[in-house]
N, C-alpha and C. Protein backbone atom coordinates (compact mmCIF):
# COMPACT_ATOMS: atom_id res chain seq x y z
N MET A 1 0.82 -1.19 0.00
CA MET A 1 0.00 0.00 0.00
C MET A 1 0.87 1.26 0.00
N ARG A 2 1.97 1.20 0.75
CA ARG A 2 2.86 2.36 0.75
C ARG A 2 3.45 2.62 -0.63
N ARG A 3 3.83 1.54 -1.30
CA ARG A 3 4.43 1.67 -2.61
C ARG A 3 3.44 2.32 -3.59
N ALA A 4 2.20 1.88 -3.57
CA ALA A 4 1.18 2.45 -4.46
C ALA A 4 0.91 3.91 -4.09
N ALA A 5 0.85 4.19 -2.80
CA ALA A 5 0.58 5.57 -2.35
C ALA A 5 1.71 6.51 -2.74
N VAL A 6 2.94 6.07 -2.60
CA VAL A 6 4.10 6.90 -2.95
C VAL A 6 4.21 7.06 -4.47
N SER A 7 3.75 6.06 -5.19
CA SER A 7 3.82 6.09 -6.65
C SER A 7 2.98 7.21 -7.24
N ILE A 8 1.89 7.57 -6.59
CA ILE A 8 0.99 8.61 -7.13
C ILE A 8 1.72 9.95 -7.27
N PRO A 9 2.22 10.56 -6.19
CA PRO A 9 2.90 11.85 -6.35
C PRO A 9 4.22 11.72 -7.11
N SER A 10 4.87 10.57 -7.01
CA SER A 10 6.13 10.38 -7.74
C SER A 10 5.90 10.46 -9.25
N ASN A 11 4.86 9.82 -9.73
CA ASN A 11 4.57 9.87 -11.16
C ASN A 11 4.08 11.24 -11.60
N ILE A 12 3.35 11.92 -10.75
CA ILE A 12 2.93 13.29 -11.08
C ILE A 12 4.17 14.17 -11.24
N ALA A 13 5.09 14.08 -10.29
CA ALA A 13 6.32 14.89 -10.35
C ALA A 13 7.17 14.54 -11.56
N GLU A 14 7.33 13.25 -11.83
CA GLU A 14 8.15 12.85 -12.97
C GLU A 14 7.52 13.32 -14.28
N GLY A 15 6.22 13.18 -14.40
CA GLY A 15 5.54 13.64 -15.61
C GLY A 15 5.63 15.14 -15.80
N TYR A 16 5.51 15.88 -14.70
CA TYR A 16 5.58 17.34 -14.79
C TYR A 16 6.95 17.80 -15.27
N SER A 17 7.98 17.03 -14.94
CA SER A 17 9.34 17.42 -15.33
C SER A 17 9.61 17.16 -16.82
N ARG A 18 8.72 16.43 -17.48
CA ARG A 18 8.89 16.15 -18.90
C ARG A 18 8.56 17.40 -19.72
N SER A 19 9.11 17.46 -20.90
CA SER A 19 8.94 18.67 -21.71
C SER A 19 7.68 18.65 -22.57
N ARG A 20 7.06 17.49 -22.72
CA ARG A 20 5.89 17.40 -23.60
C ARG A 20 4.63 17.08 -22.81
N THR A 21 3.54 17.74 -23.19
CA THR A 21 2.26 17.54 -22.51
C THR A 21 1.80 16.09 -22.61
N LEU A 22 2.00 15.45 -23.76
CA LEU A 22 1.57 14.06 -23.91
C LEU A 22 2.30 13.13 -22.94
N GLU A 23 3.56 13.42 -22.69
CA GLU A 23 4.31 12.62 -21.70
C GLU A 23 3.75 12.84 -20.30
N TYR A 24 3.44 14.10 -19.99
CA TYR A 24 2.86 14.44 -18.69
C TYR A 24 1.55 13.68 -18.49
N ILE A 25 0.70 13.67 -19.53
CA ILE A 25 -0.57 12.95 -19.45
C ILE A 25 -0.33 11.46 -19.19
N LYS A 26 0.66 10.89 -19.86
CA LYS A 26 0.98 9.47 -19.67
C LYS A 26 1.32 9.18 -18.21
N PHE A 27 2.13 10.04 -17.61
CA PHE A 27 2.51 9.83 -16.21
C PHE A 27 1.35 10.09 -15.26
N LEU A 28 0.47 11.01 -15.61
CA LEU A 28 -0.73 11.23 -14.79
C LEU A 28 -1.63 10.00 -14.85
N GLN A 29 -1.70 9.36 -16.00
CA GLN A 29 -2.49 8.14 -16.12
C GLN A 29 -1.87 7.00 -15.30
N ILE A 30 -0.55 6.96 -15.26
CA ILE A 30 0.12 5.96 -14.42
C ILE A 30 -0.18 6.24 -12.95
N ALA A 31 -0.17 7.52 -12.57
CA ALA A 31 -0.51 7.89 -11.19
C ALA A 31 -1.94 7.48 -10.87
N PHE A 32 -2.85 7.68 -11.82
CA PHE A 32 -4.24 7.29 -11.64
C PHE A 32 -4.35 5.77 -11.44
N ALA A 33 -3.59 5.02 -12.23
CA ALA A 33 -3.58 3.56 -12.11
C ALA A 33 -3.06 3.12 -10.74
N SER A 34 -2.06 3.83 -10.23
CA SER A 34 -1.55 3.53 -8.89
C SER A 34 -2.63 3.82 -7.85
N GLY A 35 -3.43 4.85 -8.09
CA GLY A 35 -4.56 5.13 -7.21
C GLY A 35 -5.58 4.01 -7.22
N ALA A 36 -5.84 3.46 -8.41
CA ALA A 36 -6.77 2.34 -8.52
C ALA A 36 -6.22 1.12 -7.78
N GLU A 37 -4.92 0.91 -7.88
CA GLU A 37 -4.27 -0.19 -7.16
C GLU A 37 -4.43 0.01 -5.65
N LEU A 38 -4.20 1.22 -5.18
CA LEU A 38 -4.34 1.51 -3.76
C LEU A 38 -5.79 1.34 -3.31
N GLU A 39 -6.73 1.75 -4.15
CA GLU A 39 -8.15 1.58 -3.82
C GLU A 39 -8.47 0.10 -3.62
N THR A 40 -7.99 -0.74 -4.51
CA THR A 40 -8.21 -2.18 -4.41
C THR A 40 -7.62 -2.72 -3.11
N GLN A 41 -6.40 -2.29 -2.79
CA GLN A 41 -5.76 -2.76 -1.57
C GLN A 41 -6.51 -2.30 -0.32
N LEU A 42 -7.04 -1.09 -0.35
CA LEU A 42 -7.84 -0.60 0.76
C LEU A 42 -9.11 -1.45 0.93
N LEU A 43 -9.77 -1.74 -0.18
CA LEU A 43 -10.99 -2.54 -0.12
C LEU A 43 -10.71 -3.95 0.42
N ILE A 44 -9.61 -4.54 -0.02
CA ILE A 44 -9.24 -5.88 0.48
C ILE A 44 -8.95 -5.82 1.98
N THR A 45 -8.22 -4.79 2.39
CA THR A 45 -7.90 -4.62 3.81
C THR A 45 -9.17 -4.51 4.64
N LYS A 46 -10.16 -3.77 4.12
CA LYS A 46 -11.43 -3.62 4.82
C LYS A 46 -12.16 -4.96 4.89
N GLU A 47 -12.22 -5.66 3.77
CA GLU A 47 -12.92 -6.95 3.72
C GLU A 47 -12.30 -7.97 4.68
N LEU A 48 -10.99 -7.90 4.84
CA LEU A 48 -10.30 -8.82 5.74
C LEU A 48 -10.35 -8.39 7.19
N GLY A 49 -10.93 -7.22 7.43
CA GLY A 49 -11.05 -6.72 8.80
C GLY A 49 -9.73 -6.24 9.39
N LEU A 50 -8.83 -5.80 8.53
CA LEU A 50 -7.51 -5.35 8.99
C LEU A 50 -7.43 -3.85 9.22
N ILE A 51 -8.55 -3.15 9.01
CA ILE A 51 -8.58 -1.71 9.19
C ILE A 51 -9.91 -1.33 9.83
N ARG A 52 -9.88 -0.35 10.71
CA ARG A 52 -11.12 0.13 11.31
C ARG A 52 -11.93 0.88 10.26
N THR A 53 -13.24 0.78 10.36
CA THR A 53 -14.13 1.42 9.39
C THR A 53 -13.85 2.91 9.29
N LYS A 54 -13.63 3.55 10.41
CA LYS A 54 -13.36 4.99 10.43
C LYS A 54 -12.07 5.31 9.66
N ASP A 55 -11.02 4.53 9.88
CA ASP A 55 -9.75 4.75 9.19
C ASP A 55 -9.87 4.45 7.71
N PHE A 56 -10.60 3.38 7.39
CA PHE A 56 -10.83 3.05 5.98
C PHE A 56 -11.53 4.20 5.28
N GLN A 57 -12.60 4.70 5.88
CA GLN A 57 -13.41 5.74 5.24
C GLN A 57 -12.60 7.01 5.01
N LYS A 58 -11.78 7.37 5.98
CA LYS A 58 -10.95 8.57 5.83
C LYS A 58 -9.96 8.39 4.68
N ALA A 59 -9.27 7.27 4.63
CA ALA A 59 -8.30 7.00 3.57
C ALA A 59 -9.00 6.91 2.22
N TYR A 60 -10.12 6.23 2.19
CA TYR A 60 -10.86 6.04 0.94
C TYR A 60 -11.35 7.38 0.39
N ASP A 61 -11.91 8.21 1.26
CA ASP A 61 -12.41 9.52 0.83
C ASP A 61 -11.28 10.39 0.29
N LEU A 62 -10.14 10.39 0.97
CA LEU A 62 -9.00 11.18 0.49
C LEU A 62 -8.51 10.67 -0.86
N LEU A 63 -8.46 9.37 -1.02
CA LEU A 63 -8.03 8.79 -2.29
C LEU A 63 -9.01 9.15 -3.41
N GLN A 64 -10.30 9.10 -3.13
CA GLN A 64 -11.28 9.48 -4.15
C GLN A 64 -11.11 10.93 -4.58
N GLU A 65 -10.79 11.80 -3.64
CA GLU A 65 -10.55 13.21 -3.97
C GLU A 65 -9.34 13.35 -4.89
N VAL A 66 -8.27 12.63 -4.57
CA VAL A 66 -7.06 12.66 -5.41
C VAL A 66 -7.37 12.12 -6.81
N MET A 67 -8.13 11.05 -6.88
CA MET A 67 -8.48 10.45 -8.17
C MET A 67 -9.32 11.42 -9.01
N ARG A 68 -10.26 12.12 -8.37
CA ARG A 68 -11.05 13.12 -9.10
C ARG A 68 -10.17 14.24 -9.63
N MET A 69 -9.23 14.71 -8.81
CA MET A 69 -8.34 15.78 -9.25
C MET A 69 -7.48 15.32 -10.43
N LEU A 70 -6.97 14.10 -10.35
CA LEU A 70 -6.17 13.57 -11.46
C LEU A 70 -7.02 13.46 -12.73
N ASN A 71 -8.22 12.98 -12.59
CA ASN A 71 -9.12 12.83 -13.73
C ASN A 71 -9.40 14.17 -14.40
N VAL A 72 -9.66 15.20 -13.61
CA VAL A 72 -9.92 16.53 -14.15
C VAL A 72 -8.68 17.07 -14.85
N LEU A 73 -7.52 16.92 -14.21
CA LEU A 73 -6.28 17.41 -14.81
C LEU A 73 -5.98 16.71 -16.12
N ILE A 74 -6.14 15.41 -16.16
CA ILE A 74 -5.91 14.65 -17.39
C ILE A 74 -6.86 15.13 -18.49
N SER A 75 -8.12 15.30 -18.15
CA SER A 75 -9.12 15.74 -19.14
C SER A 75 -8.78 17.13 -19.69
N LYS A 76 -8.41 18.04 -18.81
CA LYS A 76 -8.07 19.40 -19.26
C LYS A 76 -6.83 19.41 -20.13
N LEU A 77 -5.83 18.62 -19.75
CA LEU A 77 -4.60 18.58 -20.56
C LEU A 77 -4.86 17.95 -21.92
N LYS A 78 -5.73 16.95 -21.97
CA LYS A 78 -6.05 16.30 -23.26
C LYS A 78 -6.74 17.28 -24.21
N THR A 79 -7.61 18.13 -23.67
CA THR A 79 -8.31 19.08 -24.54
C THR A 79 -7.41 20.21 -25.02
N SER A 80 -6.34 20.47 -24.27
CA SER A 80 -5.43 21.55 -24.66
C SER A 80 -4.24 21.04 -25.47
N ALA A 81 -4.07 19.71 -25.53
CA ALA A 81 -2.91 19.13 -26.24
C ALA A 81 -3.13 19.06 -27.73
């Protein structure tokens, strides 16, 4: 879970450092995929009873917010590319 969580901002930063918008979009999509991976791991953790409902909900809600932001950014960059 840590690896997937760290991968999100790492890919955003790496993509931003690229000189082309299409490369940036590619790395944002990779960050989004890492978010989906983290979401799956959170759901499995909840199903196995390894996380308190309150902690799950807080993490899940924050992740959903990040995923929405990534989705909006990707969409805006695609229309301007």
